[in-house]
Amino acid sequence: MLPAMSRRFRNTIFCLFAVMVPEGVLGNPLIIESNPVLKEVQNTEEYFPDGIGSVWRYTGRSRTETIERIADVTFTNEVSAIGTTNIKGETVKIFRETNQGNKGPTDGYFRRDASGITYYGSQPTTPFEQHLVPYRVLKFPLELHGSYQQLSKKNVDMQTDMDGDGHFERADVTANAQVVGYESITVGAGTFSDALRIDAVMTITVTLSKTRHLVVSTDTISSWFVRGIGLVKYVERVEAPPLLETRGEVTHLSEELDSYSLKGQAGLLSAPFPYPPSSY
């Protein structure tokens, strides 16, 4: 996710999905060698549970740096798989967050199939995000040290005038992810010796209609997932360039799992992956 890559292109890569797995599944991850370099993560979907009624509770931190000031706050966020709905003829899971990335409540829509997890947008949303969805945030099966493209769209109408000339800007958007490997990580919910780390980068290159200058915004995120639990931590960095009266800013976001309650069978939790920023 991701997600995570959230913000209308919003400030978080991504919500996670969680599912109950049989006793004994947790432990050293099982892998299948597909070639001498890449190793397939067996039963990839078990890292992304989504049983309806499942709840994940996180404590987060947001730090925004500008030339004038530094704002540092702590927040909480609860993610719940609340049900399903139909979008563009597809049945998608609804993940409700109380305070995603300290930006307030939001619903995210995700669908899982044999090829991976696809993001179908959010509420509230923006016209810019609607030009981008749906797109796949996770590709199944995952391969250790493998990388894949999540999104690539050119000349997207942003439906926003960023340079004050009365015309909407257009942008090229790319997002890519890499499966880094297994790492030990400690959060409020416990210590996990085999968390699967996934890094993702989203880049938005805007062509200003007034001057034709290029303005680049980047969102990078590292997320850690545990088999049978889902997302246990993410760390994100969002760089927003200076425009008009603003001088630009850098925002650091993180959330760590404090507790969780899982329901149902294998599914997914929406992973933090870069999404379009809320300012767009």
Foldseek 3Di string as FASTA:
>chain_A
DVVACVALLAAWVKWKAFAADDPPCFDDFDWDDPDPPKIWGPPQLLLFHHFAAKKFKKKKWKWKDDPVDIDIDIDIKMKGFHAWDADPRDIWTWIWMQAVLNNGIKIWTWDQDQQAIWTAAIPPHAPQQNQWDTWGSDGPRAIAFDKDWTGWDFQGFRVDQQAPPPDTKTKTKTKMKTFHFFAWDQFQQGIGGGWTKMKMKMKIWIQHPPPRDIFIKMKIKIWTTGRNGYTAKMWMKIWGPDTDPGHTMIMIMMMGTNDMDHDDHRDMTMNHGRGYHNVD
